[in-house]
Amino acid sequence: MKPEIAVLDIQGQFRVYTELYRADAAEKTIILVNGSLATTTSFAQTVRNLHPQFNVVLYDPPYAGKSKPHNAHERPLTKELEGQLLLELIDHFNAELLMSFSWGGAAALVALAHRPKRIEKAVISSFSPVISDPLRDYLERGRQHFGTYNRHGVGELLNSTLGKHLPSLFKRYNHKHVSSLDAHEYAQMHHHIDHVLDASNHPQMKAAKRINVPVLFMNGAWDEYTSAADARHFAHYIRDCHFSTLQDAGHFLDMENKAACLASKEALHGFLTPTPEPRRVHYRTGQLQQAFAV
């Protein structure tokens, strides 16, 4: 299963690395939005859960992964700018569906609030509008590590908090990945954390009231950082909300174990796949009389 790879020019500002997993029988295209510090490789299992029922689009934001070499990194991207970039990609790939993970939910919500015409449904996973005590502790410790470029501290923090339910192999990969990032990526994450902890940004959630498509919020039952209970606060902002709590799953959902992977796949397909309309049977007059006589 090899993707079609392209580096796209976005309004002359950015160049974005993309992967398209095309399926001949697929009727819909879904675009996936990474979490912080993540790249397209983080969605490997999610792609397997969605393809070939859907065409699947992945991309690295300008500051990360395979997009990095193609961009100047003069200043951190705001969530508004990341949302605008996502809107451009939605148009380019004619995507009808959208799915985000973790911090990618911020850009996804910004894009959805602009009511992109093609988008029919969206899934926001491992994201909530509430800064719980565990999440605040993670963010404040993270801000310190990112601000001092403490690479080992960043890796240890991630694996002992958000990633604590991951298999040991994934934890080793996570530590190696986040401890080898460039300085501008640490600056980007520091900017993300400042934004989340800034209380003046919270009223921006009211923009979510503009969202006019069904949205599924998917969270792990073991995740105290972006909990399923906290995600339900979105019901105050978004008209057509749906919620799915994956048992035996923490923050990283389908990456953590086989049961969580299966539950994630079932939740996604149950929400994204249209329910067939009941078959209507037409009777001639004689057939109708015979049916009632039986």
C-alpha atoms as a PDB file:
ATOM      1  CA  MET A   1       0.000   0.000   0.000  1.00  0.00           C
ATOM      2  CA  LYS A   2       2.102   2.864  -1.314  1.00  0.00           C
ATOM      3  CA  PRO A   3       0.832   6.455  -1.203  1.00  0.00           C
ATOM      4  CA  GLU A   4       0.936   9.076  -3.913  1.00  0.00           C
ATOM      5  CA  ILE A   5       3.416  11.643  -2.615  1.00  0.00           C
ATOM      6  CA  ALA A   6       3.402  15.368  -3.401  1.00  0.00           C
ATOM      7  CA  VAL A   7       4.847  18.556  -1.940  1.00  0.00           C
ATOM      8  CA  LEU A   8       2.207  21.255  -2.398  1.00  0.00           C
ATOM      9  CA  ASP A   9       2.660  24.993  -2.583  1.00  0.00           C
ATOM     10  CA  ILE A  10       0.119  26.674  -0.292  1.00  0.00           C
ATOM     11  CA  GLN A  11      -0.552  30.256  -1.430  1.00  0.00           C
ATOM     12  CA  GLY A  12       3.157  30.884  -1.935  1.00  0.00           C
ATOM     13  CA  GLN A  13       3.688  30.833   1.855  1.00  0.00           C
ATOM     14  CA  PHE A  14       4.361  27.195   2.671  1.00  0.00           C
ATOM     15  CA  ARG A  15       5.267  23.927   1.031  1.00  0.00           C
ATOM     16  CA  VAL A  16       3.533  20.918   2.555  1.00  0.00           C
ATOM     17  CA  TYR A  17       4.471  17.239   2.194  1.00  0.00           C
ATOM     18  CA  THR A  18       1.384  15.071   1.554  1.00  0.00           C
ATOM     19  CA  GLU A  19       0.529  11.405   1.131  1.00  0.00           C
ATOM     20  CA  LEU A  20      -2.615  10.155  -0.601  1.00  0.00           C
ATOM     21  CA  TYR A  21      -3.675   6.544  -0.089  1.00  0.00           C
ATOM     22  CA  ARG A  22      -6.089   6.093  -2.958  1.00  0.00           C
ATOM     23  CA  ALA A  23      -8.624   3.265  -3.214  1.00  0.00           C
ATOM     24  CA  ASP A  24     -10.459   2.573  -6.469  1.00  0.00           C
ATOM     25  CA  ALA A  25     -13.721   1.624  -4.753  1.00  0.00           C
ATOM     26  CA  ALA A  26     -13.698   4.455  -2.200  1.00  0.00           C
ATOM     27  CA  GLU A  27     -16.429   7.065  -2.546  1.00  0.00           C
ATOM     28  CA  LYS A  28     -15.153   9.491   0.102  1.00  0.00           C
ATOM     29  CA  THR A  29     -11.801  11.072   0.992  1.00  0.00           C
ATOM     30  CA  ILE A  30     -10.728  11.726   4.581  1.00  0.00           C
ATOM     31  CA  ILE A  31      -7.890  14.031   5.612  1.00  0.00           C
ATOM     32  CA  LEU A  32      -6.028  13.361   8.885  1.00  0.00           C
ATOM     33  CA  VAL A  33      -4.560  16.117  11.083  1.00  0.00           C
ATOM     34  CA  ASN A  34      -1.489  15.333  13.224  1.00  0.00           C
ATOM     35  CA  GLY A  35      -1.047  16.099  16.890  1.00  0.00           C
ATOM     36  CA  SER A  36       1.852  18.188  18.206  1.00  0.00           C
ATOM     37  CA  LEU A  37       5.337  16.858  17.453  1.00  0.00           C
ATOM     38  CA  ALA A  38       3.793  14.094  15.322  1.00  0.00           C
ATOM     39  CA  THR A  39       4.307  13.307  11.650  1.00  0.00           C
ATOM     40  CA  THR A  40       2.471  11.245   9.045  1.00  0.00           C
ATOM     41  CA  THR A  41       4.061   8.069  10.457  1.00  0.00           C
ATOM     42  CA  SER A  42       1.964   8.446  13.620  1.00  0.00           C
ATOM     43  CA  PHE A  43      -1.175   7.619  11.625  1.00  0.00           C
ATOM     44  CA  ALA A  44       0.068   4.251  10.302  1.00  0.00           C
ATOM     45  CA  GLN A  45      -2.543   2.231  12.212  1.00  0.00           C
ATOM     46  CA  THR A  46      -5.320   4.725  11.546  1.00  0.00           C
ATOM     47  CA  VAL A  47      -4.658   4.464   7.804  1.00  0.00           C
ATOM     48  CA  ARG A  48      -5.027   0.684   8.038  1.00  0.00           C
ATOM     49  CA  ASN A  49      -8.333   1.175   9.867  1.00  0.00           C
ATOM     50  CA  LEU A  50      -9.701   3.500   7.173  1.00  0.00           C
ATOM     51  CA  HIS A  51      -8.246   2.235   3.893  1.00  0.00           C
ATOM     52  CA  PRO A  52      -9.499   0.961   1.417  1.00  0.00           C
ATOM     53  CA  GLN A  53     -13.018   1.992   2.467  1.00  0.00           C
ATOM     54  CA  PHE A  54     -11.834   5.608   2.154  1.00  0.00           C
ATOM     55  CA  ASN A  55      -9.174   7.522   0.293  1.00  0.00           C
ATOM     56  CA  VAL A  56      -6.862   8.766   3.055  1.00  0.00           C
ATOM     57  CA  VAL A  57      -4.773  11.967   3.005  1.00  0.00           C
ATOM     58  CA  LEU A  58      -1.908  12.616   5.429  1.00  0.00           C
ATOM     59  CA  TYR A  59       0.310  15.676   5.664  1.00  0.00           C
ATOM     60  CA  ASP A  60       3.131  17.132   7.716  1.00  0.00           C
ATOM     61  CA  PRO A  61       2.646  20.748   8.844  1.00  0.00           C
ATOM     62  CA  PRO A  62       5.307  23.143   7.537  1.00  0.00           C
ATOM     63  CA  TYR A  63       7.432  22.944  10.712  1.00  0.00           C
ATOM     64  CA  ALA A  64       7.513  19.128  10.994  1.00  0.00           C
ATOM     65  CA  GLY A  65       8.476  15.854   9.332  1.00  0.00           C
ATOM     66  CA  LYS A  66       9.093  15.835   5.605  1.00  0.00           C
ATOM     67  CA  SER A  67       7.724  19.365   5.193  1.00  0.00           C
ATOM     68  CA  LYS A  68      10.586  20.824   7.265  1.00  0.00           C
ATOM     69  CA  PRO A  69      13.245  20.997   4.517  1.00  0.00           C
ATOM     70  CA  HIS A  70      10.899  22.947   2.230  1.00  0.00           C
ATOM     71  CA  ASN A  71      10.120  25.854   4.580  1.00  0.00           C
ATOM     72  CA  ALA A  72      11.785  28.731   6.399  1.00  0.00           C
ATOM     73  CA  HIS A  73      11.011  28.618  10.113  1.00  0.00           C
ATOM     74  CA  GLU A  74      10.959  32.283  11.007  1.00  0.00           C
ATOM     75  CA  ARG A  75       8.156  32.211  13.575  1.00  0.00           C
ATOM     76  CA  PRO A  76       5.717  29.708  15.128  1.00  0.00           C
ATOM     77  CA  LEU A  77       2.423  29.055  13.354  1.00  0.00           C
ATOM     78  CA  THR A  78      -0.777  30.102  15.110  1.00  0.00           C
ATOM     79  CA  LYS A  79      -3.716  27.707  15.296  1.00  0.00           C
ATOM     80  CA  GLU A  80      -5.636  30.092  13.025  1.00  0.00           C
ATOM     81  CA  LEU A  81      -2.949  29.842  10.350  1.00  0.00           C
ATOM     82  CA  GLU A  82      -2.833  26.058  10.701  1.00  0.00           C
ATOM     83  CA  GLY A  83      -6.607  26.022  10.268  1.00  0.00           C
ATOM     84  CA  GLN A  84      -6.347  28.082   7.077  1.00  0.00           C
ATOM     85  CA  LEU A  85      -3.672  25.740   5.751  1.00  0.00           C
ATOM     86  CA  LEU A  86      -5.982  22.788   6.451  1.00  0.00           C
ATOM     87  CA  LEU A  87      -8.785  24.489   4.517  1.00  0.00           C
ATOM     88  CA  GLU A  88      -6.468  24.744   1.497  1.00  0.00           C
ATOM     89  CA  LEU A  89      -5.665  21.038   1.710  1.00  0.00           C
ATOM     90  CA  ILE A  90      -9.358  20.129   2.030  1.00  0.00           C
ATOM     91  CA  ASP A  91     -10.035  22.001  -1.219  1.00  0.00           C
ATOM     92  CA  HIS A  92      -7.034  20.526  -3.007  1.00  0.00           C
ATOM     93  CA  PHE A  93      -7.955  16.910  -2.229  1.00  0.00           C
ATOM     94  CA  ASN A  94     -11.739  17.433  -2.406  1.00  0.00           C
ATOM     95  CA  ALA A  95     -12.033  15.846   1.037  1.00  0.00           C
ATOM     96  CA  GLU A  96     -15.507  15.165   2.406  1.00  0.00           C
ATOM     97  CA  LEU A  97     -14.323  13.923   5.818  1.00  0.00           C
ATOM     98  CA  LEU A  98     -11.880  15.144   8.446  1.00  0.00           C
ATOM     99  CA  MET A  99     -10.190  13.502  11.424  1.00  0.00           C
ATOM    100  CA  SER A 100      -7.778  15.028  13.935  1.00  0.00           C
ATOM    101  CA  PHE A 101      -5.684  13.714  16.805  1.00  0.00           C
ATOM    102  CA  SER A 102      -4.815  15.539  20.040  1.00  0.00           C
ATOM    103  CA  TRP A 103      -3.584  19.123  19.414  1.00  0.00           C
ATOM    104  CA  GLY A 104      -4.563  18.712  15.760  1.00  0.00           C
ATOM    105  CA  GLY A 105      -8.105  19.223  17.048  1.00  0.00           C
ATOM    106  CA  ALA A 106      -7.407  22.948  17.464  1.00  0.00           C
ATOM    107  CA  ALA A 107      -6.640  23.443  13.753  1.00  0.00           C
ATOM    108  CA  ALA A 108      -9.525  21.135  12.810  1.00  0.00           C
ATOM    109  CA  LEU A 109     -12.040  23.158  14.820  1.00  0.00           C
ATOM    110  CA  VAL A 110     -10.770  26.409  13.297  1.00  0.00           C
ATOM    111  CA  ALA A 111     -11.225  24.941   9.809  1.00  0.00           C
ATOM    112  CA  LEU A 112     -14.680  23.526  10.585  1.00  0.00           C
ATOM    113  CA  ALA A 113     -15.831  26.889  11.963  1.00  0.00           C
ATOM    114  CA  HIS A 114     -15.263  28.297   8.452  1.00  0.00           C
ATOM    115  CA  ARG A 115     -17.849  25.796   7.170  1.00  0.00           C
ATOM    116  CA  PRO A 116     -15.876  24.278   4.276  1.00  0.00           C
ATOM    117  CA  LYS A 117     -18.496  23.353   1.671  1.00  0.00           C
ATOM    118  CA  ARG A 118     -17.285  19.833   0.929  1.00  0.00           C
ATOM    119  CA  ILE A 119     -16.882  18.571   4.504  1.00  0.00           C
ATOM    120  CA  GLU A 120     -19.764  16.321   5.581  1.00  0.00           C
ATOM    121  CA  LYS A 121     -18.534  14.874   8.892  1.00  0.00           C
ATOM    122  CA  ALA A 122     -15.557  15.219  11.246  1.00  0.00           C
ATOM    123  CA  VAL A 123     -13.903  13.174  13.991  1.00  0.00           C
ATOM    124  CA  ILE A 124     -11.963  14.922  16.770  1.00  0.00           C
ATOM    125  CA  SER A 125      -9.973  12.404  18.813  1.00  0.00           C
ATOM    126  CA  SER A 126      -8.132  12.812  22.138  1.00  0.00           C
ATOM    127  CA  PHE A 127      -9.085  16.479  22.529  1.00  0.00           C
ATOM    128  CA  SER A 128     -11.181  18.434  25.004  1.00  0.00           C
ATOM    129  CA  PRO A 129     -11.965  22.098  25.767  1.00  0.00           C
ATOM    130  CA  VAL A 130     -11.106  21.659  29.472  1.00  0.00           C
ATOM    131  CA  ILE A 131      -7.671  22.077  31.055  1.00  0.00           C
ATOM    132  CA  SER A 132      -7.842  19.392  33.715  1.00  0.00           C
ATOM    133  CA  ASP A 133      -5.363  19.323  36.603  1.00  0.00           C
ATOM    134  CA  PRO A 134      -3.339  16.476  35.009  1.00  0.00           C
ATOM    135  CA  LEU A 135      -3.253  18.313  31.671  1.00  0.00           C
ATOM    136  CA  ARG A 136      -2.182  21.584  33.308  1.00  0.00           C
ATOM    137  CA  ASP A 137       0.627  19.787  35.123  1.00  0.00           C
ATOM    138  CA  TYR A 138       1.774  18.203  31.840  1.00  0.00           C
ATOM    139  CA  LEU A 139       1.648  21.532  29.991  1.00  0.00           C
ATOM    140  CA  GLU A 140       3.496  23.503  32.654  1.00  0.00           C
ATOM    141  CA  ARG A 141       6.265  20.909  32.926  1.00  0.00           C
ATOM    142  CA  GLY A 142       6.388  20.695  29.149  1.00  0.00           C
ATOM    143  CA  ARG A 143       6.720  24.459  28.790  1.00  0.00           C
ATOM    144  CA  GLN A 144       9.746  24.371  31.079  1.00  0.00           C
ATOM    145  CA  HIS A 145      11.422  21.535  29.153  1.00  0.00           C
ATOM    146  CA  PHE A 146      10.720  23.054  25.745  1.00  0.00           C
ATOM    147  CA  GLY A 147      11.859  26.475  26.887  1.00  0.00           C
ATOM    148  CA  THR A 148      15.236  25.110  28.028  1.00  0.00           C
ATOM    149  CA  TYR A 149      15.574  22.593  25.141  1.00  0.00           C
ATOM    150  CA  ASN A 150      15.728  19.738  27.652  1.00  0.00           C
ATOM    151  CA  ARG A 151      15.478  16.930  25.103  1.00  0.00           C
ATOM    152  CA  HIS A 152      15.671  14.038  27.552  1.00  0.00           C
ATOM    153  CA  GLY A 153      13.129  15.738  29.803  1.00  0.00           C
ATOM    154  CA  VAL A 154      10.673  16.120  26.919  1.00  0.00           C
ATOM    155  CA  GLY A 155      10.944  12.428  26.025  1.00  0.00           C
ATOM    156  CA  GLU A 156      10.543  11.285  29.620  1.00  0.00           C
ATOM    157  CA  LEU A 157       7.587  13.600  30.193  1.00  0.00           C
ATOM    158  CA  LEU A 158       5.707  12.395  27.116  1.00  0.00           C
ATOM    159  CA  ASN A 159       6.157   8.715  27.933  1.00  0.00           C
ATOM    160  CA  SER A 160       5.198   9.102  31.600  1.00  0.00           C
ATOM    161  CA  THR A 161       2.006  11.083  30.890  1.00  0.00           C
ATOM    162  CA  LEU A 162       0.164  11.058  27.543  1.00  0.00           C
ATOM    163  CA  GLY A 163       2.073   7.999  26.344  1.00  0.00           C
ATOM    164  CA  LYS A 164       2.078   5.937  29.514  1.00  0.00           C
ATOM    165  CA  HIS A 165      -0.258   3.281  28.041  1.00  0.00           C
ATOM    166  CA  LEU A 166       1.811   2.794  24.882  1.00  0.00           C
ATOM    167  CA  PRO A 167       3.758  -0.452  24.307  1.00  0.00           C
ATOM    168  CA  SER A 168       7.441  -0.206  25.237  1.00  0.00           C
ATOM    169  CA  LEU A 169       8.537  -0.227  21.578  1.00  0.00           C
ATOM    170  CA  PHE A 170       6.400   2.840  20.853  1.00  0.00           C
ATOM    171  CA  LYS A 171       7.737   4.570  23.953  1.00  0.00           C
ATOM    172  CA  ARG A 172      11.294   4.081  22.724  1.00  0.00           C
ATOM    173  CA  TYR A 173      10.323   5.474  19.323  1.00  0.00           C
ATOM    174  CA  ASN A 174       8.599   8.454  20.942  1.00  0.00           C
ATOM    175  CA  HIS A 175      11.616   9.265  23.094  1.00  0.00           C
ATOM    176  CA  LYS A 176      13.990   9.048  20.151  1.00  0.00           C
ATOM    177  CA  HIS A 177      11.689  11.187  17.982  1.00  0.00           C
ATOM    178  CA  VAL A 178      10.919  14.046  20.381  1.00  0.00           C
ATOM    179  CA  SER A 179      14.466  14.233  21.735  1.00  0.00           C
ATOM    180  CA  SER A 180      15.917  14.721  18.253  1.00  0.00           C
ATOM    181  CA  LEU A 181      13.664  17.522  16.985  1.00  0.00           C
ATOM    182  CA  ASP A 182      14.970  20.861  15.738  1.00  0.00           C
ATOM    183  CA  ALA A 183      15.002  24.007  17.849  1.00  0.00           C
ATOM    184  CA  HIS A 184      12.167  25.571  15.834  1.00  0.00           C
ATOM    185  CA  GLU A 185       9.940  22.572  16.624  1.00  0.00           C
ATOM    186  CA  TYR A 186      10.530  23.066  20.343  1.00  0.00           C
ATOM    187  CA  ALA A 187       9.675  26.747  19.847  1.00  0.00           C
ATOM    188  CA  GLN A 188       6.490  25.733  18.035  1.00  0.00           C
ATOM    189  CA  MET A 189       5.445  23.442  20.885  1.00  0.00           C
ATOM    190  CA  HIS A 190       6.283  26.130  23.434  1.00  0.00           C
ATOM    191  CA  HIS A 191       3.988  28.472  21.474  1.00  0.00           C
ATOM    192  CA  HIS A 192       1.209  25.831  21.468  1.00  0.00           C
ATOM    193  CA  ILE A 193       1.425  25.441  25.244  1.00  0.00           C
ATOM    194  CA  ASP A 194       1.397  29.207  25.850  1.00  0.00           C
ATOM    195  CA  HIS A 195      -1.737  29.402  23.715  1.00  0.00           C
ATOM    196  CA  VAL A 196      -3.527  26.627  25.605  1.00  0.00           C
ATOM    197  CA  LEU A 197      -2.627  28.030  29.032  1.00  0.00           C
ATOM    198  CA  ASP A 198      -3.668  31.577  28.106  1.00  0.00           C
ATOM    199  CA  ALA A 199      -7.146  31.928  29.625  1.00  0.00           C
ATOM    200  CA  SER A 200      -7.982  34.760  27.222  1.00  0.00           C
ATOM    201  CA  ASN A 201      -8.052  32.233  24.373  1.00  0.00           C
ATOM    202  CA  HIS A 202     -10.863  30.140  25.825  1.00  0.00           C
ATOM    203  CA  PRO A 203     -13.724  32.371  24.553  1.00  0.00           C
ATOM    204  CA  GLN A 204     -12.550  31.472  21.054  1.00  0.00           C
ATOM    205  CA  MET A 205     -14.287  28.130  21.597  1.00  0.00           C
ATOM    206  CA  LYS A 206     -17.509  30.012  20.910  1.00  0.00           C
ATOM    207  CA  ALA A 207     -16.457  29.991  17.268  1.00  0.00           C
ATOM    208  CA  ALA A 208     -17.259  26.277  17.369  1.00  0.00           C
ATOM    209  CA  LYS A 209     -20.937  27.277  17.379  1.00  0.00           C
ATOM    210  CA  ARG A 210     -20.500  27.978  13.669  1.00  0.00           C
ATOM    211  CA  ILE A 211     -19.749  24.319  12.934  1.00  0.00           C
ATOM    212  CA  ASN A 212     -22.636  22.907  10.903  1.00  0.00           C
ATOM    213  CA  VAL A 213     -21.663  19.269  10.322  1.00  0.00           C
ATOM    214  CA  PRO A 214     -21.887  16.226  12.621  1.00  0.00           C
ATOM    215  CA  VAL A 215     -18.782  15.835  14.786  1.00  0.00           C
ATOM    216  CA  LEU A 216     -17.715  12.703  16.659  1.00  0.00           C
ATOM    217  CA  PHE A 217     -15.512  13.218  19.716  1.00  0.00           C
ATOM    218  CA  MET A 218     -13.519  10.072  20.431  1.00  0.00           C
ATOM    219  CA  ASN A 219     -11.585   9.700  23.692  1.00  0.00           C
ATOM    220  CA  GLY A 220      -9.943   6.919  25.650  1.00  0.00           C
ATOM    221  CA  ALA A 221     -11.477   5.799  28.950  1.00  0.00           C
ATOM    222  CA  TRP A 222      -7.997   5.795  30.559  1.00  0.00           C
ATOM    223  CA  ASP A 223      -7.082   9.281  29.335  1.00  0.00           C
ATOM    224  CA  GLU A 224      -7.205  11.793  32.206  1.00  0.00           C
ATOM    225  CA  TYR A 225      -5.485  14.487  30.124  1.00  0.00           C
ATOM    226  CA  THR A 226      -8.196  14.879  27.478  1.00  0.00           C
ATOM    227  CA  SER A 227     -10.923  12.869  29.137  1.00  0.00           C
ATOM    228  CA  ALA A 228     -14.181  11.639  27.641  1.00  0.00           C
ATOM    229  CA  ALA A 229     -16.132  13.512  30.332  1.00  0.00           C
ATOM    230  CA  ASP A 230     -14.360  16.786  29.513  1.00  0.00           C
ATOM    231  CA  ALA A 231     -14.904  16.305  25.765  1.00  0.00           C
ATOM    232  CA  ARG A 232     -18.669  16.303  26.398  1.00  0.00           C
ATOM    233  CA  HIS A 233     -18.458  20.032  27.118  1.00  0.00           C
ATOM    234  CA  PHE A 234     -18.386  20.444  23.333  1.00  0.00           C
ATOM    235  CA  ALA A 235     -22.122  19.717  23.409  1.00  0.00           C
ATOM    236  CA  HIS A 236     -22.542  23.322  24.632  1.00  0.00           C
ATOM    237  CA  TYR A 237     -20.898  24.657  21.467  1.00  0.00           C
ATOM    238  CA  ILE A 238     -21.563  22.297  18.566  1.00  0.00           C
ATOM    239  CA  ARG A 239     -25.102  21.548  17.442  1.00  0.00           C
ATOM    240  CA  ASP A 240     -24.642  17.980  16.163  1.00  0.00           C
ATOM    241  CA  CYS A 241     -22.290  16.249  18.612  1.00  0.00           C
ATOM    242  CA  HIS A 242     -21.590  12.550  18.997  1.00  0.00           C
ATOM    243  CA  PHE A 243     -19.341  10.951  21.603  1.00  0.00           C
ATOM    244  CA  SER A 244     -17.456   7.663  21.737  1.00  0.00           C
ATOM    245  CA  THR A 245     -15.425   6.464  24.727  1.00  0.00           C
ATOM    246  CA  LEU A 246     -12.966   3.707  23.858  1.00  0.00           C
ATOM    247  CA  GLN A 247     -12.520   1.250  26.706  1.00  0.00           C
ATOM    248  CA  ASP A 248      -8.994  -0.062  27.392  1.00  0.00           C
ATOM    249  CA  ALA A 249      -7.501   3.030  25.739  1.00  0.00           C
ATOM    250  CA  GLY A 250      -5.568   6.084  26.889  1.00  0.00           C
ATOM    251  CA  HIS A 251      -4.571   9.197  24.953  1.00  0.00           C
ATOM    252  CA  PHE A 252      -3.035   7.401  21.955  1.00  0.00           C
ATOM    253  CA  LEU A 253      -6.088   5.212  21.252  1.00  0.00           C
ATOM    254  CA  ASP A 254      -5.481   2.758  18.373  1.00  0.00           C
ATOM    255  CA  MET A 255      -1.705   2.704  18.947  1.00  0.00           C
ATOM    256  CA  GLU A 256      -1.950   1.272  22.452  1.00  0.00           C
ATOM    257  CA  ASN A 257      -3.349  -2.256  22.124  1.00  0.00           C
ATOM    258  CA  LYS A 258      -5.375  -4.536  19.872  1.00  0.00           C
ATOM    259  CA  ALA A 259      -8.689  -4.041  21.695  1.00  0.00           C
ATOM    260  CA  ALA A 260      -8.407  -0.249  21.475  1.00  0.00           C
ATOM    261  CA  CYS A 261      -7.479  -0.505  17.802  1.00  0.00           C
ATOM    262  CA  LEU A 262     -10.572  -2.573  17.029  1.00  0.00           C
ATOM    263  CA  ALA A 263     -12.829  -0.283  19.071  1.00  0.00           C
ATOM    264  CA  SER A 264     -11.424   2.736  17.251  1.00  0.00           C
ATOM    265  CA  LYS A 265     -12.055   1.162  13.858  1.00  0.00           C
ATOM    266  CA  GLU A 266     -15.633   0.256  14.767  1.00  0.00           C
ATOM    267  CA  ALA A 267     -16.365   3.750  16.090  1.00  0.00           C
ATOM    268  CA  LEU A 268     -14.919   5.412  12.981  1.00  0.00           C
ATOM    269  CA  HIS A 269     -16.778   3.261  10.479  1.00  0.00           C
ATOM    270  CA  GLY A 270     -19.992   3.434  12.486  1.00  0.00           C
ATOM    271  CA  PHE A 271     -19.922   7.209  12.329  1.00  0.00           C
ATOM    272  CA  LEU A 272     -18.396   7.861   8.906  1.00  0.00           C
ATOM    273  CA  THR A 273     -20.200   5.217   6.853  1.00  0.00           C
ATOM    274  CA  PRO A 274     -23.728   6.238   5.812  1.00  0.00           C
ATOM    275  CA  THR A 275     -26.521   4.055   7.140  1.00  0.00           C
ATOM    276  CA  PRO A 276     -28.295   2.347   4.217  1.00  0.00           C
ATOM    277  CA  GLU A 277     -31.856   3.487   3.741  1.00  0.00           C
ATOM    278  CA  PRO A 278     -34.499   0.787   4.373  1.00  0.00           C
ATOM    279  CA  ARG A 279     -35.444  -0.999   1.186  1.00  0.00           C
ATOM    280  CA  ARG A 280     -38.886  -0.033  -0.001  1.00  0.00           C
ATOM    281  CA  VAL A 281     -41.069  -2.786  -1.456  1.00  0.00           C
ATOM    282  CA  HIS A 282     -43.790  -1.799  -3.931  1.00  0.00           C
ATOM    283  CA  TYR A 283     -46.817  -4.098  -4.248  1.00  0.00           C
ATOM    284  CA  ARG A 284     -49.332  -4.277  -7.039  1.00  0.00           C
ATOM    285  CA  THR A 285     -52.960  -4.308  -5.891  1.00  0.00           C
ATOM    286  CA  GLY A 286     -53.296  -8.067  -6.263  1.00  0.00           C
ATOM    287  CA  GLN A 287     -50.060  -8.718  -4.382  1.00  0.00           C
ATOM    288  CA  LEU A 288     -51.169  -6.430  -1.570  1.00  0.00           C
ATOM    289  CA  GLN A 289     -54.462  -8.292  -1.162  1.00  0.00           C
ATOM    290  CA  GLN A 290     -52.629 -11.621  -1.147  1.00  0.00           C
ATOM    291  CA  ALA A 291     -50.173 -10.365   1.479  1.00  0.00           C
ATOM    292  CA  PHE A 292     -52.965  -9.333   3.823  1.00  0.00           C
ATOM    293  CA  ALA A 293     -54.790 -12.628   3.255  1.00  0.00           C
ATOM    294  CA  VAL A 294     -51.840 -14.757   4.426  1.00  0.00           C
END
